[in-house]
PDB file of all heavy atoms in Angstrom:
ATOM      1  N   HIS A   1    -169.671 -34.205 130.713  1.00  0.00           N
ATOM      2  CA  HIS A   1    -169.715 -32.989 129.894  1.00  0.00           C
ATOM      3  C   HIS A   1    -168.711 -32.981 128.743  1.00  0.00           C
ATOM      4  O   HIS A   1    -168.704 -32.060 127.958  1.00  0.00           O
ATOM      5  CB  HIS A   1    -169.441 -31.764 130.760  1.00  0.00           C
ATOM      6  CG  HIS A   1    -170.360 -31.667 131.926  1.00  0.00           C
ATOM      7  ND1 HIS A   1    -171.707 -31.401 131.813  1.00  0.00           N
ATOM      8  CD2 HIS A   1    -170.150 -31.822 133.279  1.00  0.00           C
ATOM      9  CE1 HIS A   1    -172.283 -31.379 132.996  1.00  0.00           C
ATOM     10  NE2 HIS A   1    -171.357 -31.634 133.904  1.00  0.00           N
ATOM     11  N   GLY A   2    -167.917 -34.034 128.670  1.00  0.00           N
ATOM     12  CA  GLY A   2    -166.842 -33.968 127.692  1.00  0.00           C
ATOM     13  C   GLY A   2    -166.978 -34.898 126.523  1.00  0.00           C
ATOM     14  O   GLY A   2    -167.910 -34.802 125.727  1.00  0.00           O
ATOM     15  N   ASP A   3    -166.075 -35.851 126.452  1.00  0.00           N
ATOM     16  CA  ASP A   3    -165.845 -36.649 125.275  1.00  0.00           C
ATOM     17  C   ASP A   3    -167.078 -37.357 124.760  1.00  0.00           C
ATOM     18  O   ASP A   3    -167.315 -37.457 123.560  1.00  0.00           O
ATOM     19  CB  ASP A   3    -164.743 -37.664 125.587  1.00  0.00           C
ATOM     20  CG  ASP A   3    -164.007 -38.085 124.341  1.00  0.00           C
ATOM     21  OD1 ASP A   3    -163.975 -37.310 123.384  1.00  0.00           O
ATOM     22  OD2 ASP A   3    -163.508 -39.224 124.318  1.00  0.00           O
ATOM     23  N   ASP A   4    -167.909 -37.897 125.652  1.00  0.00           N
ATOM     24  CA  ASP A   4    -169.046 -38.714 125.224  1.00  0.00           C
ATOM     25  C   ASP A   4    -170.062 -37.919 124.411  1.00  0.00           C
ATOM     26  O   ASP A   4    -170.853 -38.519 123.661  1.00  0.00           O
ATOM     27  CB  ASP A   4    -169.749 -39.331 126.447  1.00  0.00           C
ATOM     28  CG  ASP A   4    -169.144 -40.659 126.827  1.00  0.00           C
ATOM     29  OD1 ASP A   4    -168.073 -40.994 126.264  1.00  0.00           O
ATOM     30  OD2 ASP A   4    -169.709 -41.366 127.666  1.00  0.00           O
ATOM     31  N   GLU A   5    -170.065 -36.625 124.525  1.00  0.00           N
ATOM     32  CA  GLU A   5    -171.009 -35.831 123.742  1.00  0.00           C
ATOM     33  C   GLU A   5    -170.762 -35.969 122.241  1.00  0.00           C
ATOM     34  O   GLU A   5    -171.655 -35.756 121.424  1.00  0.00           O
ATOM     35  CB  GLU A   5    -170.923 -34.355 124.160  1.00  0.00           C
ATOM     36  CG  GLU A   5    -171.413 -34.111 125.576  1.00  0.00           C
ATOM     37  CD  GLU A   5    -171.354 -32.636 125.962  1.00  0.00           C
ATOM     38  OE1 GLU A   5    -170.926 -31.846 125.120  1.00  0.00           O
ATOM     39  OE2 GLU A   5    -171.737 -32.316 127.096  1.00  0.00           O
ATOM     40  N   ALA A   6    -169.529 -36.319 121.868  1.00  0.00           N
ATOM     41  CA  ALA A   6    -169.189 -36.466 120.463  1.00  0.00           C
ATOM     42  C   ALA A   6    -169.397 -37.880 119.973  1.00  0.00           C
ATOM     43  O   ALA A   6    -169.126 -38.177 118.798  1.00  0.00           O
ATOM     44  CB  ALA A   6    -167.721 -36.057 120.240  1.00  0.00           C
ATOM     45  N   ALA A   7    -169.861 -38.765 120.805  1.00  0.00           N
ATOM     46  CA  ALA A   7    -170.029 -40.185 120.433  1.00  0.00           C
ATOM     47  C   ALA A   7    -171.068 -40.320 119.312  1.00  0.00           C
ATOM     48  O   ALA A   7    -172.128 -39.704 119.370  1.00  0.00           O
ATOM     49  CB  ALA A   7    -170.458 -40.997 121.635  1.00  0.00           C
ATOM     50  N   PRO A   8    -170.768 -41.134 118.297  1.00  0.00           N
ATOM     51  CA  PRO A   8    -171.736 -41.329 117.198  1.00  0.00           C
ATOM     52  C   PRO A   8    -172.795 -42.369 117.519  1.00  0.00           C
ATOM     53  O   PRO A   8    -173.670 -42.634 116.695  1.00  0.00           O
ATOM     54  CB  PRO A   8    -170.844 -41.792 116.045  1.00  0.00           C
ATOM     55  CG  PRO A   8    -169.688 -42.490 116.711  1.00  0.00           C
ATOM     56  CD  PRO A   8    -169.459 -41.735 117.995  1.00  0.00           C
ATOM     57  N   TYR A   9    -172.713 -42.999 118.709  1.00  0.00           N
ATOM     58  CA  TYR A   9    -173.690 -44.008 119.119  1.00  0.00           C
ATOM     59  C   TYR A   9    -174.265 -43.586 120.475  1.00  0.00           C
ATOM     60  O   TYR A   9    -173.632 -42.886 121.254  1.00  0.00           O
ATOM     61  CB  TYR A   9    -173.028 -45.383 119.232  1.00  0.00           C
ATOM     62  CG  TYR A   9    -172.273 -45.785 117.971  1.00  0.00           C
ATOM     63  CD1 TYR A   9    -170.883 -45.701 117.910  1.00  0.00           C
ATOM     64  CD2 TYR A   9    -172.966 -46.217 116.848  1.00  0.00           C
ATOM     65  CE1 TYR A   9    -170.190 -46.030 116.766  1.00  0.00           C
ATOM     66  CE2 TYR A   9    -172.285 -46.568 115.694  1.00  0.00           C
ATOM     67  CZ  TYR A   9    -170.897 -46.470 115.650  1.00  0.00           C
ATOM     68  OH  TYR A   9    -170.205 -46.805 114.522  1.00  0.00           O
ATOM     69  N   ARG A  10    -175.483 -44.059 120.762  1.00  0.00           N
ATOM     70  CA  ARG A  10    -176.173 -43.642 121.980  1.00  0.00           C
ATOM     71  C   ARG A  10    -176.234 -44.706 123.051  1.00  0.00           C
ATOM     72  O   ARG A  10    -176.887 -44.546 124.061  1.00  0.00           O
ATOM     73  CB  ARG A  10    -177.589 -43.160 121.636  1.00  0.00           C
ATOM     74  CG  ARG A  10    -177.603 -41.857 120.871  1.00  0.00           C
ATOM     75  CD  ARG A  10    -177.076 -40.712 121.724  1.00  0.00           C
ATOM     76  NE  ARG A  10    -176.882 -39.479 120.951  1.00  0.00           N
ATOM     77  CZ  ARG A  10    -175.695 -39.072 120.518  1.00  0.00           C
ATOM     78  NH1 ARG A  10    -174.601 -39.780 120.774  1.00  0.00           N
ATOM     79  NH2 ARG A  10    -175.577 -37.938 119.852  1.00  0.00           N
ATOM     80  N   GLY A  11    -175.554 -45.819 122.847  1.00  0.00           N
ATOM     81  CA  GLY A  11    -175.547 -46.849 123.871  1.00  0.00           C
ATOM     82  C   GLY A  11    -176.927 -47.403 124.117  1.00  0.00           C
ATOM     83  O   GLY A  11    -177.735 -47.595 123.192  1.00  0.00           O
ATOM     84  N   LEU A  12    -177.263 -47.628 125.393  1.00  0.00           N
ATOM     85  CA  LEU A  12    -178.574 -48.163 125.730  1.00  0.00           C
ATOM     86  C   LEU A  12    -179.681 -47.092 125.633  1.00  0.00           C
ATOM     87  O   LEU A  12    -180.852 -47.407 125.606  1.00  0.00           O
ATOM     88  CB  LEU A  12    -178.560 -48.735 127.154  1.00  0.00           C
ATOM     89  CG  LEU A  12    -177.757 -50.027 127.317  1.00  0.00           C
ATOM     90  CD1 LEU A  12    -177.692 -50.418 128.799  1.00  0.00           C
ATOM     91  CD2 LEU A  12    -178.353 -51.156 126.526  1.00  0.00           C
ATOM     92  N   SER A  13    -179.273 -45.837 125.617  1.00  0.00           N
ATOM     93  CA  SER A  13    -180.251 -44.760 125.518  1.00  0.00           C
ATOM     94  C   SER A  13    -180.854 -44.711 124.105  1.00  0.00           C
ATOM     95  O   SER A  13    -180.215 -45.080 123.130  1.00  0.00           O
ATOM     96  CB  SER A  13    -179.622 -43.402 125.828  1.00  0.00           C
ATOM     97  OG  SER A  13    -179.025 -43.421 127.121  1.00  0.00           O
ATOM     98  N   ARG A  14    -182.096 -44.265 124.024  1.00  0.00           N
ATOM     99  CA  ARG A  14    -182.746 -44.150 122.723  1.00  0.00           C
ATOM    100  C   ARG A  14    -182.124 -42.968 121.965  1.00  0.00           C
ATOM    101  O   ARG A  14    -181.555 -42.054 122.579  1.00  0.00           O
ATOM    102  CB  ARG A  14    -184.247 -43.923 122.906  1.00  0.00           C
ATOM    103  CG  ARG A  14    -184.548 -42.623 123.583  1.00  0.00           C
ATOM    104  CD  ARG A  14    -186.008 -42.482 123.917  1.00  0.00           C
ATOM    105  NE  ARG A  14    -186.229 -41.229 124.674  1.00  0.00           N
ATOM    106  CZ  ARG A  14    -187.003 -41.117 125.734  1.00  0.00           C
ATOM    107  NH1 ARG A  14    -187.633 -42.192 126.194  1.00  0.00           N
ATOM    108  NH2 ARG A  14    -187.166 -39.973 126.342  1.00  0.00           N
ATOM    109  N   TYR A  15    -182.263 -42.977 120.655  1.00  0.00           N
ATOM    110  CA  TYR A  15    -181.863 -41.814 119.845  1.00  0.00           C
ATOM    111  C   TYR A  15    -182.974 -40.768 119.959  1.00  0.00           C
ATOM    112  O   TYR A  15    -184.155 -41.107 119.912  1.00  0.00           O
ATOM    113  CB  TYR A  15    -181.676 -42.233 118.387  1.00  0.00           C
ATOM    114  CG  TYR A  15    -180.395 -42.991 118.139  1.00  0.00           C
ATOM    115  CD1 TYR A  15    -180.229 -44.286 118.583  1.00  0.00           C
ATOM    116  CD2 TYR A  15    -179.342 -42.404 117.464  1.00  0.00           C
ATOM    117  CE1 TYR A  15    -179.077 -44.991 118.375  1.00  0.00           C
ATOM    118  CE2 TYR A  15    -178.151 -43.091 117.249  1.00  0.00           C
ATOM    119  CZ  TYR A  15    -178.021 -44.397 117.717  1.00  0.00           C
ATOM    120  OH  TYR A  15    -176.843 -45.099 117.506  1.00  0.00           O
ATOM    121  N   GLY A  16    -182.585 -39.502 120.125  1.00  0.00           N
ATOM    122  CA  GLY A  16    -183.550 -38.440 120.310  1.00  0.00           C
ATOM    123  C   GLY A  16    -183.850 -37.700 119.015  1.00  0.00           C
ATOM    124  O   GLY A  16    -183.298 -38.005 117.962  1.00  0.00           O
ATOM    125  N   THR A  17    -184.711 -36.699 119.111  1.00  0.00           N
ATOM    126  CA  THR A  17    -185.109 -35.942 117.917  1.00  0.00           C
ATOM    127  C   THR A  17    -183.932 -35.165 117.328  1.00  0.00           C
ATOM    128  O   THR A  17    -183.991 -34.774 116.168  1.00  0.00           O
ATOM    129  CB  THR A  17    -186.243 -34.970 118.277  1.00  0.00           C
ATOM    130  OG1 THR A  17    -185.848 -34.168 119.404  1.00  0.00           O
ATOM    131  CG2 THR A  17    -187.528 -35.729 118.611  1.00  0.00           C
ATOM    132  N   GLY A  18    -182.905 -34.937 118.125  1.00  0.00           N
ATOM    133  CA  GLY A  18    -181.732 -34.245 117.592  1.00  0.00           C
ATOM    134  C   GLY A  18    -180.668 -35.161 117.056  1.00  0.00           C
ATOM    135  O   GLY A  18    -179.572 -34.707 116.675  1.00  0.00           O
ATOM    136  N   ASP A  19    -180.974 -36.469 116.986  1.00  0.00           N
ATOM    137  CA  ASP A  19    -179.955 -37.452 116.557  1.00  0.00           C
ATOM    138  C   ASP A  19    -180.242 -38.008 115.157  1.00  0.00           C
ATOM    139  O   ASP A  19    -179.695 -39.060 114.806  1.00  0.00           O
ATOM    140  CB  ASP A  19    -179.919 -38.616 117.548  1.00  0.00           C
ATOM    141  CG  ASP A  19    -179.413 -38.198 118.922  1.00  0.00           C
ATOM    142  OD1 ASP A  19    -178.529 -37.334 118.978  1.00  0.00           O
ATOM    143  OD2 ASP A  19    -179.897 -38.750 119.924  1.00  0.00           O
ATOM    144  N   GLN A  20    -181.072 -37.325 114.372  1.00  0.00           N
ATOM    145  CA  GLN A  20    -181.424 -37.891 113.072  1.00  0.00           C
ATOM    146  C   GLN A  20    -180.213 -38.080 112.158  1.00  0.00           C
ATOM    147  O   GLN A  20    -180.222 -38.956 111.302  1.00  0.00           O
ATOM    148  CB  GLN A  20    -182.497 -37.028 112.353  1.00  0.00           C
ATOM    149  CG  GLN A  20    -182.084 -35.608 112.078  1.00  0.00           C
ATOM    150  CD  GLN A  20    -182.541 -34.647 113.188  1.00  0.00           C
ATOM    151  OE1 GLN A  20    -182.571 -35.037 114.336  1.00  0.00           O
ATOM    152  NE2 GLN A  20    -182.909 -33.442 112.794  1.00  0.00           N
ATOM    153  N   HIS A  21    -179.178 -37.290 112.375  1.00  0.00           N
ATOM    154  CA  HIS A  21    -177.963 -37.419 111.539  1.00  0.00           C
ATOM    155  C   HIS A  21    -177.175 -38.683 111.864  1.00  0.00           C
ATOM    156  O   HIS A  21    -176.277 -39.075 111.125  1.00  0.00           O
ATOM    157  CB  HIS A  21    -177.070 -36.188 111.725  1.00  0.00           C
ATOM    158  CG  HIS A  21    -176.536 -36.015 113.105  1.00  0.00           C
ATOM    159  ND1 HIS A  21    -177.347 -35.764 114.198  1.00  0.00           N
ATOM    160  CD2 HIS A  21    -175.263 -36.098 113.588  1.00  0.00           C
ATOM    161  CE1 HIS A  21    -176.600 -35.652 115.287  1.00  0.00           C
ATOM    162  NE2 HIS A  21    -175.353 -35.849 114.941  1.00  0.00           N
ATOM    163  N   LEU A  22    -177.528 -39.342 112.983  1.00  0.00           N
ATOM    164  CA  LEU A  22    -176.844 -40.576 113.393  1.00  0.00           C
ATOM    165  C   LEU A  22    -177.736 -41.803 113.263  1.00  0.00           C
ATOM    166  O   LEU A  22    -177.315 -42.916 113.534  1.00  0.00           O
ATOM    167  CB  LEU A  22    -176.375 -40.451 114.851  1.00  0.00           C
ATOM    168  CG  LEU A  22    -175.399 -39.317 115.172  1.00  0.00           C
ATOM    169  CD1 LEU A  22    -175.150 -39.280 116.682  1.00  0.00           C
ATOM    170  CD2 LEU A  22    -174.099 -39.498 114.412  1.00  0.00           C
ATOM    171  N   PHE A  23    -178.974 -41.606 112.839  1.00  0.00           N
ATOM    172  CA  PHE A  23    -179.955 -42.677 112.804  1.00  0.00           C
ATOM    173  C   PHE A  23    -180.065 -43.286 111.423  1.00  0.00           C
ATOM    174  O   PHE A  23    -180.494 -42.618 110.480  1.00  0.00           O
ATOM    175  CB  PHE A  23    -181.326 -42.159 113.281  1.00  0.00           C
ATOM    176  CG  PHE A  23    -182.373 -43.216 113.434  1.00  0.00           C
ATOM    177  CD1 PHE A  23    -182.336 -44.122 114.481  1.00  0.00           C
ATOM    178  CD2 PHE A  23    -183.384 -43.332 112.497  1.00  0.00           C
ATOM    179  CE1 PHE A  23    -183.302 -45.118 114.593  1.00  0.00           C
ATOM    180  CE2 PHE A  23    -184.375 -44.297 112.618  1.00  0.00           C
ATOM    181  CZ  PHE A  23    -184.321 -45.198 113.681  1.00  0.00           C
ATOM    182  N   PHE A  24    -179.676 -44.558 111.304  1.00  0.00           N
ATOM    183  CA  PHE A  24    -179.661 -45.211 109.989  1.00  0.00           C
ATOM    184  C   PHE A  24    -180.278 -46.610 110.084  1.00  0.00           C
ATOM    185  O   PHE A  24    -180.334 -47.199 111.170  1.00  0.00           O
ATOM    186  CB  PHE A  24    -178.206 -45.353 109.480  1.00  0.00           C
ATOM    187  CG  PHE A  24    -177.545 -44.027 109.171  1.00  0.00           C
ATOM    188  CD1 PHE A  24    -176.748 -43.408 110.131  1.00  0.00           C
ATOM    189  CD2 PHE A  24    -177.746 -43.405 107.944  1.00  0.00           C
ATOM    190  CE1 PHE A  24    -176.140 -42.199 109.860  1.00  0.00           C
ATOM    191  CE2 PHE A  24    -177.118 -42.194 107.671  1.00  0.00           C
ATOM    192  CZ  PHE A  24    -176.341 -41.586 108.626  1.00  0.00           C
ATOM    193  N   GLY A  25    -180.718 -47.104 108.930  1.00  0.00           N
ATOM    194  CA  GLY A  25    -181.159 -48.485 108.838  1.00  0.00           C
ATOM    195  C   GLY A  25    -182.665 -48.692 108.857  1.00  0.00           C
ATOM    196  O   GLY A  25    -183.154 -49.794 108.577  1.00  0.00           O
ATOM    197  N   ARG A  26    -183.463 -47.642 109.185  1.00  0.00           N
ATOM    198  CA  ARG A  26    -184.903 -47.809 109.290  1.00  0.00           C
ATOM    199  C   ARG A  26    -185.666 -46.874 108.331  1.00  0.00           C
ATOM    200  O   ARG A  26    -186.841 -46.634 108.541  1.00  0.00           O
ATOM    201  CB  ARG A  26    -185.356 -47.527 110.739  1.00  0.00           C
ATOM    202  CG  ARG A  26    -185.039 -48.602 111.751  1.00  0.00           C
ATOM    203  CD  ARG A  26    -185.847 -49.847 111.468  1.00  0.00           C
ATOM    204  NE  ARG A  26    -185.783 -50.814 112.576  1.00  0.00           N
ATOM    205  CZ  ARG A  26    -186.221 -52.056 112.483  1.00  0.00           C
ATOM    206  NH1 ARG A  26    -186.750 -52.483 111.348  1.00  0.00           N
ATOM    207  NH2 ARG A  26    -186.118 -52.882 113.501  1.00  0.00           N
ATOM    208  N   GLN A  27    -185.018 -46.413 107.283  1.00  0.00           N
ATOM    209  CA  GLN A  27    -185.684 -45.444 106.406  1.00  0.00           C
ATOM    210  C   GLN A  27    -186.935 -45.981 105.753  1.00  0.00           C
ATOM    211  O   GLN A  27    -187.949 -45.259 105.667  1.00  0.00           O
ATOM    212  CB  GLN A  27    -184.696 -44.934 105.333  1.00  0.00           C
ATOM    213  CG  GLN A  27    -185.178 -43.733 104.563  1.00  0.00           C
ATOM    214  CD  GLN A  27    -185.518 -42.537 105.459  1.00  0.00           C
ATOM    215  OE1 GLN A  27    -184.921 -42.355 106.505  1.00  0.00           O
ATOM    216  NE2 GLN A  27    -186.486 -41.733 105.029  1.00  0.00           N
ATOM    217  N   PRO A  28    -186.994 -47.245 105.289  1.00  0.00           N
ATOM    218  CA  PRO A  28    -188.251 -47.759 104.700  1.00  0.00           C
ATOM    219  C   PRO A  28    -189.414 -47.713 105.676  1.00  0.00           C
ATOM    220  O   PRO A  28    -190.527 -47.331 105.308  1.00  0.00           O
ATOM    221  CB  PRO A  28    -187.899 -49.192 104.322  1.00  0.00           C
ATOM    222  CG  PRO A  28    -186.425 -49.181 104.100  1.00  0.00           C
ATOM    223  CD  PRO A  28    -185.894 -48.225 105.129  1.00  0.00           C
ATOM    224  N   GLU A  29    -189.165 -48.052 106.970  1.00  0.00           N
ATOM    225  CA  GLU A  29    -190.233 -48.005 107.973  1.00  0.00           C
ATOM    226  C   GLU A  29    -190.634 -46.561 108.254  1.00  0.00           C
ATOM    227  O   GLU A  29    -191.838 -46.269 108.437  1.00  0.00           O
ATOM    228  CB  GLU A  29    -189.772 -48.677 109.265  1.00  0.00           C
ATOM    229  CG  GLU A  29    -189.640 -50.184 109.191  1.00  0.00           C
ATOM    230  CD  GLU A  29    -188.299 -50.652 108.675  1.00  0.00           C
ATOM    231  OE1 GLU A  29    -187.505 -49.807 108.210  1.00  0.00           O
ATOM    232  OE2 GLU A  29    -188.032 -51.844 108.724  1.00  0.00           O
ATOM    233  N   VAL A  30    -189.661 -45.669 108.271  1.00  0.00           N
ATOM    234  CA  VAL A  30    -189.959 -44.250 108.532  1.00  0.00           C
ATOM    235  C   VAL A  30    -190.894 -43.717 107.433  1.00  0.00           C
ATOM    236  O   VAL A  30    -191.919 -43.066 107.715  1.00  0.00           O
ATOM    237  CB  VAL A  30    -188.652 -43.419 108.577  1.00  0.00           C
ATOM    238  CG1 VAL A  30    -188.962 -41.930 108.521  1.00  0.00           C
ATOM    239  CG2 VAL A  30    -187.867 -43.743 109.847  1.00  0.00           C
ATOM    240  N   GLU A  31    -190.566 -43.990 106.183  1.00  0.00           N
ATOM    241  CA  GLU A  31    -191.358 -43.487 105.065  1.00  0.00           C
ATOM    242  C   GLU A  31    -192.751 -44.113 105.053  1.00  0.00           C
ATOM    243  O   GLU A  31    -193.743 -43.444 104.764  1.00  0.00           O
ATOM    244  CB  GLU A  31    -190.621 -43.760 103.754  1.00  0.00           C
ATOM    245  CG  GLU A  31    -189.344 -42.947 103.610  1.00  0.00           C
ATOM    246  CD  GLU A  31    -188.547 -43.311 102.380  1.00  0.00           C
ATOM    247  OE1 GLU A  31    -188.969 -44.259 101.661  1.00  0.00           O
ATOM    248  OE2 GLU A  31    -187.479 -42.692 102.129  1.00  0.00           O
ATOM    249  N   ARG A  32    -192.813 -45.389 105.380  1.00  0.00           N
ATOM    250  CA  ARG A  32    -194.131 -46.067 105.368  1.00  0.00           C
ATOM    251  C   ARG A  32    -195.029 -45.510 106.462  1.00  0.00           C
ATOM    252  O   ARG A  32    -196.213 -45.285 106.263  1.00  0.00           O
ATOM    253  CB  ARG A  32    -193.938 -47.569 105.531  1.00  0.00           C
ATOM    254  CG  ARG A  32    -195.257 -48.325 105.405  1.00  0.00           C
ATOM    255  CD  ARG A  32    -195.038 -49.810 105.357  1.00  0.00           C
ATOM    256  NE  ARG A  32    -196.321 -50.533 105.341  1.00  0.00           N
ATOM    257  CZ  ARG A  32    -196.450 -51.836 105.396  1.00  0.00           C
ATOM    258  NH1 ARG A  32    -195.373 -52.601 105.449  1.00  0.00           N
ATOM    259  NH2 ARG A  32    -197.646 -52.390 105.385  1.00  0.00           N
ATOM    260  N   LEU A  33    -194.460 -45.293 107.652  1.00  0.00           N
ATOM    261  CA  LEU A  33    -195.249 -44.740 108.762  1.00  0.00           C
ATOM    262  C   LEU A  33    -195.744 -43.328 108.423  1.00  0.00           C
ATOM    263  O   LEU A  33    -196.871 -42.957 108.744  1.00  0.00           O
ATOM    264  CB  LEU A  33    -194.417 -44.712 110.033  1.00  0.00           C
ATOM    265  CG  LEU A  33    -194.271 -46.026 110.780  1.00  0.00           C
ATOM    266  CD1 LEU A  33    -193.291 -45.899 111.955  1.00  0.00           C
ATOM    267  CD2 LEU A  33    -195.624 -46.523 111.302  1.00  0.00           C
ATOM    268  N   ALA A  34    -194.882 -42.533 107.790  1.00  0.00           N
ATOM    269  CA  ALA A  34    -195.278 -41.167 107.406  1.00  0.00           C
ATOM    270  C   ALA A  34    -196.476 -41.226 106.452  1.00  0.00           C
ATOM    271  O   ALA A  34    -197.415 -40.411 106.567  1.00  0.00           O
ATOM    272  CB  ALA A  34    -194.107 -40.432 106.779  1.00  0.00           C
ATOM    273  N   ARG A  35    -196.441 -42.160 105.493  1.00  0.00           N
ATOM    274  CA  ARG A  35    -197.588 -42.304 104.551  1.00  0.00           C
ATOM    275  C   ARG A  35    -198.828 -42.757 105.298  1.00  0.00           C
ATOM    276  O   ARG A  35    -199.941 -42.291 105.028  1.00  0.00           O
ATOM    277  CB  ARG A  35    -197.228 -43.286 103.456  1.00  0.00           C
ATOM    278  CG  ARG A  35    -196.176 -42.772 102.459  1.00  0.00           C
ATOM    279  CD  ARG A  35    -196.156 -43.623 101.209  1.00  0.00           C
ATOM    280  NE  ARG A  35    -195.831 -45.028 101.492  1.00  0.00           N
ATOM    281  CZ  ARG A  35    -194.607 -45.539 101.514  1.00  0.00           C
ATOM    282  NH1 ARG A  35    -193.583 -44.746 101.278  1.00  0.00           N
ATOM    283  NH2 ARG A  35    -194.405 -46.787 101.767  1.00  0.00           N
ATOM    284  N   MET A  36    -198.684 -43.699 106.251  1.00  0.00           N
ATOM    285  CA  MET A  36    -199.836 -44.195 106.964  1.00  0.00           C
ATOM    286  C   MET A  36    -200.494 -43.111 107.801  1.00  0.00           C
ATOM    287  O   MET A  36    -201.724 -43.011 107.871  1.00  0.00           O
ATOM    288  CB  MET A  36    -199.395 -45.370 107.867  1.00  0.00           C
ATOM    289  CG  MET A  36    -198.992 -46.610 107.086  1.00  0.00           C
ATOM    290  SD  MET A  36    -198.314 -47.931 108.165  1.00  0.00           S
ATOM    291  CE  MET A  36    -199.833 -48.510 108.936  1.00  0.00           C
ATOM    292  N   ILE A  37    -199.685 -42.250 108.432  1.00  0.00           N
ATOM    293  CA  ILE A  37    -200.241 -41.171 109.245  1.00  0.00           C
ATOM    294  C   ILE A  37    -200.964 -40.171 108.360  1.00  0.00           C
ATOM    295  O   ILE A  37    -201.970 -39.572 108.779  1.00  0.00           O
ATOM    296  CB  ILE A  37    -199.104 -40.480 110.063  1.00  0.00           C
ATOM    297  CG1 ILE A  37    -198.607 -41.443 111.155  1.00  0.00           C
ATOM    298  CG2 ILE A  37    -199.586 -39.182 110.687  1.00  0.00           C
ATOM    299  CD1 ILE A  37    -197.424 -40.920 111.928  1.00  0.00           C
ATOM    300  N   ALA A  38    -200.487 -39.971 107.159  1.00  0.00           N
ATOM    301  CA  ALA A  38    -201.165 -39.050 106.231  1.00  0.00           C
ATOM    302  C   ALA A  38    -202.515 -39.603 105.798  1.00  0.00           C
ATOM    303  O   ALA A  38    -203.461 -38.846 105.548  1.00  0.00           O
ATOM    304  CB  ALA A  38    -200.278 -38.769 105.008  1.00  0.00           C
TER     305      ALA A  38
END
């Protein structure tokens, strides 16, 4: 319940929908997928 909640990395766990502020490096894929779904 303490310190790890402030961690900027998620370890082996996946990043969740509330972690977009910590998710970097895949923006081109994100934008391409959004266009494909449209």
